[in-house]
Amino acid sequence: MTELARPLRVDAERNRQAIICAAGAVFAKEGTAVTLERIAAAAGVGVGTIYRRFTSTEELVGVVLEEKMSRYADRTEEAARHATEEPWVAFREWVLFILEQQATDFAFSEVILSATEGSALFRSEVRRAMRASLHLVNRARAAGAIRSDFDHSDLLMLQYANAGLVRGTHRSAPDAWRRFGDYMLQSFRVDTDPLSAPPWSP
């Protein structure tokens, strides 16, 4: 019985990996508003196979994006460390990294703006990235690399704006985010007229 059962476990794991791989590609291209039936077709498995492993699209999104969110948190911590030596370079490269991730992965762009669901590991990585980004902003601001009234919540506005830009231009001008990023980085750096109060700060 054991020998007979082992191939079934191998097949089950192979199907699971096929589902995760297919879901990652579909989510990146189309976003998270897709059905499990769509994922099943892309993975070449029956939809029942997916439902035996994932109860919802949201659960599958969390699993698929765990690794990507871990890399994002790692990259953010690296930027925060780099900011102790080269605050402007660290901040600039990290901002462009975020914008590029949004432009090349629609699912990531959606989830990074509403990262309240998913697995426990996913949420933990979101919190790790948030802590690191706060350190990055504080270090860049303290060093005078960005304007004195820059608020961490300005990054959220940046991501919302870029998400809309990417959605509207991904077919006609897929690199539009680069010029947008250059404009925004200049505005973050130059301290001229004072800004209105940040909308998400107390």
N, C-alpha and C. Protein backbone atom coordinates (compact mmCIF):
# COMPACT_ATOMS: atom_id res chain seq x y z
N MET A 1 0.82 -1.21 0.00
CA MET A 1 0.00 0.00 0.00
C MET A 1 0.85 1.25 0.00
N THR A 2 1.96 1.18 0.75
CA THR A 2 2.83 2.37 0.80
C THR A 2 3.44 2.66 -0.55
N GLU A 3 3.91 1.58 -1.22
CA GLU A 3 4.55 1.78 -2.51
C GLU A 3 3.55 2.30 -3.54
N LEU A 4 2.30 1.83 -3.44
CA LEU A 4 1.28 2.28 -4.38
C LEU A 4 0.89 3.73 -4.12
N ALA A 5 0.92 4.14 -2.86
CA ALA A 5 0.47 5.50 -2.51
C ALA A 5 1.50 6.55 -2.88
N ARG A 6 2.78 6.16 -2.91
CA ARG A 6 3.83 7.16 -3.11
C ARG A 6 3.70 7.91 -4.44
N PRO A 7 3.44 7.21 -5.59
CA PRO A 7 3.29 7.96 -6.84
C PRO A 7 2.15 8.96 -6.81
N LEU A 8 1.10 8.62 -6.04
CA LEU A 8 0.00 9.55 -5.94
C LEU A 8 0.43 10.84 -5.25
N ARG A 9 1.26 10.73 -4.22
CA ARG A 9 1.75 11.92 -3.54
C ARG A 9 2.64 12.73 -4.47
N VAL A 10 3.45 12.05 -5.26
CA VAL A 10 4.31 12.75 -6.23
C VAL A 10 3.46 13.48 -7.25
N ASP A 11 2.42 12.81 -7.75
CA ASP A 11 1.53 13.46 -8.72
C ASP A 11 0.83 14.66 -8.10
N ALA A 12 0.42 14.51 -6.85
CA ALA A 12 -0.28 15.60 -6.17
C ALA A 12 0.63 16.82 -6.03
N GLU A 13 1.89 16.59 -5.66
CA GLU A 13 2.82 17.71 -5.52
C GLU A 13 3.13 18.33 -6.88
N ARG A 14 3.24 17.48 -7.90
CA ARG A 14 3.50 18.00 -9.24
C ARG A 14 2.34 18.87 -9.71
N ASN A 15 1.12 18.42 -9.44
CA ASN A 15 -0.06 19.22 -9.79
C ASN A 15 -0.08 20.54 -9.02
N ARG A 16 0.28 20.47 -7.74
CA ARG A 16 0.29 21.69 -6.92
C ARG A 16 1.28 22.71 -7.48
N GLN A 17 2.46 22.25 -7.83
CA GLN A 17 3.47 23.16 -8.38
C GLN A 17 3.04 23.71 -9.74
N ALA A 18 2.37 22.88 -10.54
CA ALA A 18 1.87 23.35 -11.84
C ALA A 18 0.83 24.43 -11.64
N ILE A 19 -0.03 24.25 -10.64
CA ILE A 19 -1.06 25.24 -10.34
C ILE A 19 -0.42 26.56 -9.90
N ILE A 20 0.55 26.48 -9.00
CA ILE A 20 1.20 27.69 -8.49
C ILE A 20 1.93 28.41 -9.61
N CYS A 21 2.64 27.66 -10.45
CA CYS A 21 3.38 28.27 -11.55
C CYS A 21 2.43 28.94 -12.54
N ALA A 22 1.37 28.25 -12.91
CA ALA A 22 0.40 28.80 -13.85
C ALA A 22 -0.29 30.03 -13.25
N ALA A 23 -0.64 29.94 -11.97
CA ALA A 23 -1.30 31.07 -11.32
C ALA A 23 -0.40 32.29 -11.29
N GLY A 24 0.89 32.09 -11.01
CA GLY A 24 1.82 33.21 -11.00
C GLY A 24 1.86 33.93 -12.33
N ALA A 25 1.89 33.16 -13.42
CA ALA A 25 1.94 33.77 -14.75
C ALA A 25 0.64 34.49 -15.07
N VAL A 26 -0.49 33.88 -14.74
CA VAL A 26 -1.79 34.51 -15.02
C VAL A 26 -1.99 35.76 -14.17
N PHE A 27 -1.68 35.67 -12.88
CA PHE A 27 -1.84 36.83 -12.00
C PHE A 27 -0.96 37.99 -12.47
N ALA A 28 0.27 37.69 -12.86
CA ALA A 28 1.18 38.76 -13.29
C ALA A 28 0.64 39.47 -14.52
N LYS A 29 0.06 38.72 -15.43
CA LYS A 29 -0.41 39.29 -16.69
C LYS A 29 -1.79 39.92 -16.59
N GLU A 30 -2.67 39.31 -15.78
CA GLU A 30 -4.08 39.72 -15.77
C GLU A 30 -4.55 40.30 -14.44
N GLY A 31 -3.74 40.19 -13.39
CA GLY A 31 -4.18 40.64 -12.08
C GLY A 31 -4.86 39.50 -11.34
N THR A 32 -5.38 39.81 -10.16
CA THR A 32 -5.94 38.78 -9.30
C THR A 32 -7.43 38.53 -9.53
N ALA A 33 -8.07 39.33 -10.35
CA ALA A 33 -9.51 39.17 -10.58
C ALA A 33 -9.76 38.11 -11.65
N VAL A 34 -9.28 36.92 -11.40
CA VAL A 34 -9.50 35.80 -12.31
C VAL A 34 -10.11 34.65 -11.51
N THR A 35 -10.71 33.72 -12.21
CA THR A 35 -11.36 32.60 -11.55
C THR A 35 -10.39 31.42 -11.40
N LEU A 36 -10.73 30.53 -10.50
CA LEU A 36 -9.93 29.32 -10.38
C LEU A 36 -10.05 28.46 -11.64
N GLU A 37 -11.16 28.59 -12.35
CA GLU A 37 -11.30 27.88 -13.62
C GLU A 37 -10.26 28.36 -14.63
N ARG A 38 -10.01 29.65 -14.61
CA ARG A 38 -8.98 30.22 -15.51
C ARG A 38 -7.60 29.67 -15.16
N ILE A 39 -7.31 29.56 -13.89
CA ILE A 39 -6.04 29.01 -13.45
C ILE A 39 -5.93 27.54 -13.81
N ALA A 40 -7.02 26.81 -13.63
CA ALA A 40 -7.02 25.38 -13.96
C ALA A 40 -6.71 25.16 -15.43
N ALA A 41 -7.30 25.98 -16.29
CA ALA A 41 -7.05 25.84 -17.72
C ALA A 41 -5.58 26.12 -18.04
N ALA A 42 -5.02 27.13 -17.42
CA ALA A 42 -3.62 27.47 -17.66
C ALA A 42 -2.69 26.39 -17.13
N ALA A 43 -3.09 25.74 -16.03
CA ALA A 43 -2.25 24.71 -15.42
C ALA A 43 -2.42 23.35 -16.08
N GLY A 44 -3.48 23.20 -16.86
CA GLY A 44 -3.73 21.93 -17.51
C GLY A 44 -4.27 20.87 -16.55
N VAL A 45 -5.02 21.33 -15.53
CA VAL A 45 -5.62 20.39 -14.57
C VAL A 45 -7.11 20.71 -14.46
N GLY A 46 -7.84 19.78 -13.88
CA GLY A 46 -9.25 20.02 -13.65
C GLY A 46 -9.45 21.00 -12.52
N VAL A 47 -10.56 21.74 -12.55
CA VAL A 47 -10.79 22.73 -11.51
C VAL A 47 -10.96 22.07 -10.15
N GLY A 48 -11.45 20.83 -10.14
CA GLY A 48 -11.58 20.10 -8.89
C GLY A 48 -10.23 19.87 -8.22
N THR A 49 -9.20 19.71 -9.04
CA THR A 49 -7.84 19.54 -8.51
C THR A 49 -7.40 20.77 -7.74
N ILE A 50 -7.75 21.93 -8.26
CA ILE A 50 -7.40 23.17 -7.56
C ILE A 50 -8.19 23.30 -6.26
N TYR A 51 -9.49 23.02 -6.32
CA TYR A 51 -10.32 23.18 -5.13
C TYR A 51 -9.92 22.22 -4.01
N ARG A 52 -9.28 21.11 -4.35
CA ARG A 52 -8.81 20.20 -3.30
C ARG A 52 -7.61 20.76 -2.56
N ARG A 53 -6.95 21.75 -3.14
CA ARG A 53 -5.74 22.32 -2.54
C ARG A 53 -5.89 23.76 -2.10
N PHE A 54 -6.76 24.50 -2.76
CA PHE A 54 -6.97 25.91 -2.45
C PHE A 54 -8.46 26.19 -2.40
N THR A 55 -8.91 26.80 -1.32
CA THR A 55 -10.34 27.03 -1.14
C THR A 55 -10.85 28.24 -1.90
N SER A 56 -9.95 29.13 -2.30
CA SER A 56 -10.37 30.36 -2.97
C SER A 56 -9.22 30.94 -3.78
N THR A 57 -9.57 31.88 -4.66
CA THR A 57 -8.54 32.59 -5.41
C THR A 57 -7.65 33.37 -4.46
N GLU A 58 -8.24 33.93 -3.40
CA GLU A 58 -7.46 34.73 -2.45
C GLU A 58 -6.37 33.88 -1.77
N GLU A 59 -6.72 32.65 -1.41
CA GLU A 59 -5.73 31.77 -0.79
C GLU A 59 -4.60 31.47 -1.77
N LEU A 60 -4.96 31.22 -3.01
CA LEU A 60 -3.95 30.92 -4.03
C LEU A 60 -3.06 32.14 -4.28
N VAL A 61 -3.66 33.33 -4.30
CA VAL A 61 -2.87 34.56 -4.46
C VAL A 61 -1.84 34.67 -3.35
N GLY A 62 -2.26 34.40 -2.12
CA GLY A 62 -1.34 34.49 -1.00
C GLY A 62 -0.16 33.55 -1.14
N VAL A 63 -0.45 32.31 -1.54
CA VAL A 63 0.62 31.33 -1.69
C VAL A 63 1.56 31.72 -2.82
N VAL A 64 0.99 32.12 -3.95
CA VAL A 64 1.80 32.48 -5.11
C VAL A 64 2.72 33.66 -4.81
N LEU A 65 2.19 34.62 -4.06
CA LEU A 65 2.96 35.84 -3.83
C LEU A 65 3.83 35.81 -2.58
N GLU A 66 3.80 34.73 -1.82
CA GLU A 66 4.66 34.64 -0.64
C GLU A 66 6.12 34.86 -1.00
N GLU A 67 6.59 34.13 -1.98
CA GLU A 67 8.00 34.23 -2.35
C GLU A 67 8.33 35.61 -2.88
N LYS A 68 7.45 36.15 -3.70
CA LYS A 68 7.70 37.48 -4.26
C LYS A 68 7.70 38.54 -3.15
N MET A 69 6.79 38.41 -2.19
CA MET A 69 6.76 39.37 -1.10
C MET A 69 8.00 39.24 -0.23
N SER A 70 8.50 38.01 -0.06
CA SER A 70 9.74 37.81 0.70
C SER A 70 10.90 38.51 0.02
N ARG A 71 10.98 38.39 -1.30
CA ARG A 71 12.05 39.07 -2.05
C ARG A 71 11.89 40.59 -1.94
N TYR A 72 10.64 41.04 -1.97
CA TYR A 72 10.39 42.47 -1.84
C TYR A 72 10.83 42.98 -0.47
N ALA A 73 10.53 42.22 0.57
CA ALA A 73 10.96 42.61 1.92
C ALA A 73 12.47 42.59 2.03
N ASP A 74 13.12 41.58 1.45
CA ASP A 74 14.58 41.53 1.45
C ASP A 74 15.16 42.76 0.75
N ARG A 75 14.58 43.10 -0.38
CA ARG A 75 15.09 44.25 -1.16
C ARG A 75 14.89 45.55 -0.40
N THR A 76 13.79 45.66 0.33
CA THR A 76 13.53 46.87 1.10
C THR A 76 14.49 46.99 2.27
N GLU A 77 14.77 45.88 2.94
CA GLU A 77 15.74 45.90 4.04
C GLU A 77 17.13 46.25 3.51
N GLU A 78 17.47 45.75 2.35
CA GLU A 78 18.76 46.09 1.74
C GLU A 78 18.85 47.59 1.46
N ALA A 79 17.75 48.16 0.96
CA ALA A 79 17.73 49.60 0.68
C ALA A 79 17.87 50.41 1.96
N ALA A 80 17.21 49.97 3.03
CA ALA A 80 17.31 50.67 4.31
C ALA A 80 18.74 50.65 4.83
N ARG A 81 19.42 49.52 4.68
CA ARG A 81 20.82 49.44 5.10
C ARG A 81 21.70 50.34 4.23
N HIS A 82 21.45 50.32 2.94
CA HIS A 82 22.22 51.13 2.00
C HIS A 82 22.06 52.62 2.29
N ALA A 83 20.89 52.98 2.80
CA ALA A 83 20.59 54.39 3.07
C ALA A 83 21.48 54.99 4.15
N THR A 84 22.11 54.16 4.97
CA THR A 84 23.01 54.69 5.98
C THR A 84 24.29 55.22 5.36
N GLU A 85 24.61 54.79 4.14
CA GLU A 85 25.82 55.22 3.46
C GLU A 85 25.52 56.15 2.28
N GLU A 86 24.53 55.78 1.48
CA GLU A 86 24.15 56.58 0.31
C GLU A 86 22.64 56.75 0.30
N PRO A 87 22.13 57.66 1.10
CA PRO A 87 20.68 57.77 1.29
C PRO A 87 19.90 58.06 0.01
N TRP A 88 20.41 58.98 -0.81
CA TRP A 88 19.66 59.30 -2.04
C TRP A 88 19.68 58.15 -3.03
N VAL A 89 20.82 57.56 -3.24
CA VAL A 89 20.93 56.44 -4.17
C VAL A 89 20.04 55.29 -3.72
N ALA A 90 20.08 54.98 -2.42
CA ALA A 90 19.26 53.89 -1.89
C ALA A 90 17.78 54.17 -2.09
N PHE A 91 17.36 55.39 -1.78
CA PHE A 91 15.96 55.75 -1.91
C PHE A 91 15.52 55.72 -3.37
N ARG A 92 16.33 56.32 -4.24
CA ARG A 92 15.98 56.39 -5.66
C ARG A 92 15.86 55.00 -6.28
N GLU A 93 16.84 54.15 -6.02
CA GLU A 93 16.82 52.82 -6.62
C GLU A 93 15.64 51.99 -6.10
N TRP A 94 15.30 52.19 -4.84
CA TRP A 94 14.18 51.43 -4.28
C TRP A 94 12.86 51.89 -4.87
N VAL A 95 12.67 53.19 -5.02
CA VAL A 95 11.44 53.71 -5.62
C VAL A 95 11.28 53.17 -7.04
N LEU A 96 12.34 53.21 -7.81
CA LEU A 96 12.26 52.71 -9.19
C LEU A 96 11.99 51.20 -9.20
N PHE A 97 12.53 50.50 -8.23
CA PHE A 97 12.28 49.07 -8.11
C PHE A 97 10.78 48.80 -7.90
N ILE A 98 10.16 49.55 -7.00
CA ILE A 98 8.72 49.38 -6.75
C ILE A 98 7.92 49.64 -8.02
N LEU A 99 8.22 50.74 -8.70
CA LEU A 99 7.46 51.09 -9.90
C LEU A 99 7.61 50.03 -10.98
N GLU A 100 8.81 49.49 -11.10
CA GLU A 100 9.03 48.44 -12.10
C GLU A 100 8.26 47.18 -11.75
N GLN A 101 8.24 46.81 -10.46
CA GLN A 101 7.48 45.63 -10.05
C GLN A 101 6.01 45.79 -10.37
N GLN A 102 5.48 46.99 -10.16
CA GLN A 102 4.08 47.23 -10.49
C GLN A 102 3.83 47.10 -11.99
N ALA A 103 4.80 47.55 -12.79
CA ALA A 103 4.63 47.55 -14.23
C ALA A 103 4.73 46.15 -14.83
N THR A 104 5.43 45.26 -14.16
CA THR A 104 5.68 43.94 -14.73
C THR A 104 4.85 42.84 -14.08
N ASP A 105 4.12 43.16 -13.02
CA ASP A 105 3.34 42.14 -12.33
C ASP A 105 2.08 42.79 -11.77
N PHE A 106 0.96 42.64 -12.50
CA PHE A 106 -0.28 43.29 -12.09
C PHE A 106 -0.77 42.79 -10.74
N ALA A 107 -0.58 41.51 -10.47
CA ALA A 107 -1.04 40.98 -9.19
C ALA A 107 -0.28 41.62 -8.04
N PHE A 108 1.02 41.71 -8.18
CA PHE A 108 1.82 42.35 -7.15
C PHE A 108 1.40 43.80 -6.96
N SER A 109 1.13 44.49 -8.07
CA SER A 109 0.70 45.88 -8.00
C SER A 109 -0.59 46.01 -7.21
N GLU A 110 -1.52 45.08 -7.40
CA GLU A 110 -2.78 45.12 -6.67
C GLU A 110 -2.57 44.79 -5.19
N VAL A 111 -1.83 43.73 -4.93
CA VAL A 111 -1.69 43.24 -3.57
C VAL A 111 -0.89 44.19 -2.70
N ILE A 112 0.12 44.85 -3.26
CA ILE A 112 0.96 45.74 -2.46
C ILE A 112 0.15 46.93 -1.96
N LEU A 113 -0.96 47.23 -2.64
CA LEU A 113 -1.81 48.34 -2.22
C LEU A 113 -2.92 47.91 -1.27
N SER A 114 -3.10 46.61 -1.11
CA SER A 114 -4.14 46.11 -0.22
C SER A 114 -3.71 44.77 0.33
N ALA A 115 -2.60 44.79 1.06
CA ALA A 115 -1.99 43.54 1.52
C ALA A 115 -2.50 43.15 2.90
N THR A 116 -3.79 42.89 3.00
CA THR A 116 -4.38 42.56 4.30
C THR A 116 -4.85 41.12 4.37
N GLU A 117 -4.78 40.39 3.24
CA GLU A 117 -5.23 39.01 3.23
C GLU A 117 -4.05 38.10 2.94
N GLY A 118 -4.32 36.90 2.49
CA GLY A 118 -3.25 35.97 2.20
C GLY A 118 -2.83 35.18 3.42
N SER A 119 -1.76 34.42 3.26
CA SER A 119 -1.29 33.54 4.33
C SER A 119 -0.63 34.34 5.45
N ALA A 120 -0.39 33.65 6.57
CA ALA A 120 0.29 34.29 7.70
C ALA A 120 1.69 34.72 7.31
N LEU A 121 2.38 33.88 6.53
CA LEU A 121 3.72 34.24 6.08
C LEU A 121 3.69 35.46 5.19
N PHE A 122 2.72 35.53 4.30
CA PHE A 122 2.60 36.68 3.41
C PHE A 122 2.42 37.96 4.22
N ARG A 123 1.51 37.94 5.18
CA ARG A 123 1.26 39.14 5.99
C ARG A 123 2.48 39.51 6.82
N SER A 124 3.21 38.51 7.29
CA SER A 124 4.44 38.77 8.04
C SER A 124 5.48 39.46 7.17
N GLU A 125 5.60 39.04 5.93
CA GLU A 125 6.56 39.66 5.01
C GLU A 125 6.15 41.08 4.65
N VAL A 126 4.85 41.30 4.56
CA VAL A 126 4.35 42.67 4.31
C VAL A 126 4.77 43.58 5.46
N ARG A 127 4.61 43.10 6.69
CA ARG A 127 4.99 43.92 7.85
C ARG A 127 6.51 44.15 7.88
N ARG A 128 7.28 43.15 7.50
CA ARG A 128 8.74 43.31 7.47
C ARG A 128 9.14 44.37 6.44
N ALA A 129 8.50 44.35 5.29
CA ALA A 129 8.79 45.34 4.26
C ALA A 129 8.39 46.74 4.72
N MET A 130 7.26 46.82 5.43
CA MET A 130 6.80 48.12 5.92
C MET A 130 7.79 48.71 6.91
N ARG A 131 8.26 47.91 7.84
CA ARG A 131 9.24 48.40 8.82
C ARG A 131 10.50 48.90 8.12
N ALA A 132 10.96 48.15 7.15
CA ALA A 132 12.19 48.54 6.45
C ALA A 132 11.99 49.81 5.64
N SER A 133 10.83 49.97 5.03
CA SER A 133 10.58 51.19 4.25
C SER A 133 10.50 52.41 5.14
N LEU A 134 9.98 52.24 6.36
CA LEU A 134 9.97 53.35 7.31
C LEU A 134 11.39 53.77 7.68
N HIS A 135 12.27 52.79 7.91
CA HIS A 135 13.67 53.09 8.20
C HIS A 135 14.32 53.81 7.01
N LEU A 136 14.03 53.33 5.81
CA LEU A 136 14.60 53.94 4.61
C LEU A 136 14.20 55.41 4.50
N VAL A 137 12.92 55.68 4.65
CA VAL A 137 12.44 57.07 4.53
C VAL A 137 13.03 57.93 5.64
N ASN A 138 13.04 57.44 6.85
CA ASN A 138 13.58 58.22 7.97
C ASN A 138 15.06 58.55 7.77
N ARG A 139 15.82 57.59 7.28
CA ARG A 139 17.25 57.83 7.07
C ARG A 139 17.50 58.79 5.91
N ALA A 140 16.74 58.64 4.85
CA ALA A 140 16.90 59.54 3.71
C ALA A 140 16.50 60.97 4.07
N ARG A 141 15.43 61.12 4.84
CA ARG A 141 14.98 62.45 5.25
C ARG A 141 15.95 63.08 6.23
N ALA A 142 16.43 62.30 7.19
CA ALA A 142 17.36 62.83 8.18
C ALA A 142 18.66 63.28 7.53
N ALA A 143 19.05 62.62 6.45
CA ALA A 143 20.29 62.97 5.76
C ALA A 143 20.10 64.14 4.80
N GLY A 144 18.87 64.62 4.64
CA GLY A 144 18.61 65.70 3.71
C GLY A 144 18.57 65.25 2.26
N ALA A 145 18.46 63.94 2.03
CA ALA A 145 18.42 63.42 0.67
C ALA A 145 17.06 63.62 0.02
N ILE A 146 16.01 63.68 0.83
CA ILE A 146 14.67 63.97 0.34
C ILE A 146 14.12 65.14 1.14
N ARG A 147 13.08 65.75 0.63
CA ARG A 147 12.57 66.96 1.24
C ARG A 147 12.14 66.72 2.69
N SER A 148 12.22 67.74 3.48
CA SER A 148 11.98 67.61 4.92
C SER A 148 10.54 67.29 5.26
N ASP A 149 9.59 67.63 4.36
CA ASP A 149 8.18 67.36 4.64
C ASP A 149 7.68 66.10 3.91
N PHE A 150 8.62 65.29 3.42
CA PHE A 150 8.21 64.02 2.81
C PHE A 150 7.65 63.11 3.90
N ASP A 151 6.52 62.50 3.61
CA ASP A 151 5.88 61.59 4.56
C ASP A 151 5.87 60.18 3.98
N HIS A 152 6.01 59.19 4.85
CA HIS A 152 6.03 57.81 4.38
C HIS A 152 4.79 57.48 3.56
N SER A 153 3.66 58.06 3.90
CA SER A 153 2.43 57.79 3.16
C SER A 153 2.49 58.30 1.72
N ASP A 154 3.45 59.19 1.42
CA ASP A 154 3.60 59.65 0.04
C ASP A 154 3.95 58.48 -0.88
N LEU A 155 4.58 57.46 -0.34
CA LEU A 155 4.90 56.27 -1.14
C LEU A 155 3.62 55.55 -1.56
N LEU A 156 2.62 55.56 -0.70
CA LEU A 156 1.34 54.94 -1.04
C LEU A 156 0.67 55.70 -2.18
N MET A 157 0.70 57.03 -2.12
CA MET A 157 0.13 57.82 -3.22
C MET A 157 0.89 57.53 -4.51
N LEU A 158 2.20 57.42 -4.41
CA LEU A 158 3.02 57.12 -5.59
C LEU A 158 2.58 55.79 -6.22
N GLN A 159 2.37 54.78 -5.39
CA GLN A 159 2.01 53.47 -5.90
C GLN A 159 0.60 53.45 -6.49
N TYR A 160 -0.32 54.16 -5.87
CA TYR A 160 -1.66 54.27 -6.43
C TYR A 160 -1.61 54.94 -7.81
N ALA A 161 -0.87 56.03 -7.91
CA ALA A 161 -0.78 56.75 -9.17
C ALA A 161 -0.12 55.89 -10.24
N ASN A 162 0.94 55.19 -9.87
CA ASN A 162 1.63 54.35 -10.84
C ASN A 162 0.77 53.18 -11.28
N ALA A 163 -0.02 52.62 -10.35
CA ALA A 163 -0.91 51.52 -10.71
C ALA A 163 -1.89 51.94 -11.80
N GLY A 164 -2.44 53.14 -11.66
CA GLY A 164 -3.35 53.65 -12.67
C GLY A 164 -2.64 53.90 -14.00
N LEU A 165 -1.44 54.45 -13.92
CA LEU A 165 -0.66 54.71 -15.13
C LEU A 165 -0.35 53.40 -15.86
N VAL A 166 0.09 52.42 -15.12
CA VAL A 166 0.45 51.13 -15.72
C VAL A 166 -0.76 50.49 -16.38
N ARG A 167 -1.89 50.51 -15.69
CA ARG A 167 -3.11 49.93 -16.26
C ARG A 167 -3.49 50.62 -17.57
N GLY A 168 -3.31 51.95 -17.61
CA GLY A 168 -3.75 52.69 -18.78
C GLY A 168 -2.77 52.67 -19.94
N THR A 169 -1.51 52.36 -19.68
CA THR A 169 -0.49 52.48 -20.73
C THR A 169 0.28 51.19 -21.01
N HIS A 170 -0.09 50.08 -20.37
CA HIS A 170 0.76 48.89 -20.49
C HIS A 170 0.83 48.35 -21.92
N ARG A 171 -0.16 48.65 -22.74
CA ARG A 171 -0.11 48.21 -24.14
C ARG A 171 0.55 49.25 -25.04
N SER A 172 0.20 50.51 -24.86
CA SER A 172 0.70 51.54 -25.77
C SER A 172 2.06 52.09 -25.36
N ALA A 173 2.34 52.15 -24.07
CA ALA A 173 3.60 52.72 -23.59
C ALA A 173 4.01 52.00 -22.31
N PRO A 174 4.48 50.75 -22.41
CA PRO A 174 4.77 49.95 -21.21
C PRO A 174 5.88 50.50 -20.33
N ASP A 175 6.69 51.42 -20.84
CA ASP A 175 7.77 52.00 -20.04
C ASP A 175 7.44 53.39 -19.52
N ALA A 176 6.18 53.78 -19.58
CA ALA A 176 5.80 55.12 -19.13
C ALA A 176 6.12 55.33 -17.66
N TRP A 177 6.13 54.27 -16.88
CA TRP A 177 6.42 54.37 -15.46
C TRP A 177 7.80 54.95 -15.19
N ARG A 178 8.74 54.77 -16.13
CA ARG A 178 10.10 55.28 -15.92
C ARG A 178 10.11 56.81 -15.89
N ARG A 179 9.44 57.43 -16.84
CA ARG A 179 9.40 58.90 -16.87
C ARG A 179 8.61 59.44 -15.67
N PHE A 180 7.53 58.76 -15.35
CA PHE A 180 6.75 59.15 -14.17
C PHE A 180 7.62 59.08 -12.92
N GLY A 181 8.40 58.02 -12.81
CA GLY A 181 9.28 57.87 -11.67
C GLY A 181 10.31 58.99 -11.59
N ASP A 182 10.86 59.36 -12.73
CA ASP A 182 11.85 60.46 -12.74
C ASP A 182 11.22 61.76 -12.25
N TYR A 183 10.01 62.03 -12.73
CA TYR A 183 9.31 63.24 -12.29
C TYR A 183 9.08 63.22 -10.77
N MET A 184 8.60 62.12 -10.28
CA MET A 184 8.26 62.05 -8.87
C MET A 184 9.51 62.11 -7.99
N LEU A 185 10.56 61.47 -8.42
CA LEU A 185 11.80 61.52 -7.64
C LEU A 185 12.33 62.94 -7.54
N GLN A 186 12.22 63.71 -8.62
CA GLN A 186 12.64 65.11 -8.56
C GLN A 186 11.80 65.89 -7.55
N SER A 187 10.50 65.62 -7.54
CA SER A 187 9.63 66.35 -6.60
C SER A 187 9.89 65.91 -5.16
N PHE A 188 10.28 64.67 -4.95
CA PHE A 188 10.59 64.19 -3.61
C PHE A 188 11.88 64.81 -3.08
N ARG A 189 12.76 65.17 -3.99
CA ARG A 189 14.09 65.62 -3.57
C ARG A 189 14.14 67.13 -3.34
N VAL A 190 13.41 67.88 -4.13
CA VAL A 190 13.52 69.33 -4.09
C VAL A 190 12.54 69.91 -3.08
N ASP A 191 13.06 70.62 -2.09
CA ASP A 191 12.25 71.22 -1.04
C ASP A 191 11.98 72.68 -1.40
N THR A 192 10.83 72.93 -2.06
CA THR A 192 10.51 74.30 -2.47
C THR A 192 9.28 74.78 -1.68
N ASP A 193 8.15 74.87 -2.32
CA ASP A 193 6.95 75.30 -1.61
C ASP A 193 6.48 74.20 -0.67
N PRO A 194 5.93 74.57 0.49
CA PRO A 194 5.46 73.56 1.45
C PRO A 194 4.27 72.79 0.89
N LEU A 195 4.13 71.57 1.36
CA LEU A 195 3.05 70.69 0.92
C LEU A 195 1.87 70.77 1.87
N SER A 196 0.71 70.35 1.38
CA SER A 196 -0.45 70.20 2.26
C SER A 196 -0.22 68.98 3.15
N ALA A 197 -1.03 68.84 4.18
CA ALA A 197 -0.85 67.75 5.14
C ALA A 197 -1.04 66.40 4.46
N PRO A 198 -0.23 65.41 4.81
CA PRO A 198 -0.42 64.06 4.23
C PRO A 198 -1.75 63.48 4.66
N PRO A 199 -2.48 62.85 3.73
CA PRO A 199 -3.84 62.39 4.03
C PRO A 199 -3.95 61.23 5.00
N TRP A 200 -2.89 60.42 5.14
CA TRP A 200 -2.98 59.24 5.99
C TRP A 200 -2.18 59.36 7.28
N SER A 201 -1.72 60.54 7.59
CA SER A 201 -0.99 60.73 8.84
C SER A 201 -1.90 61.33 9.89
N PRO A 202 -1.67 61.01 11.18
CA PRO A 202 -2.52 61.54 12.25
C PRO A 202 -2.35 63.04 12.41
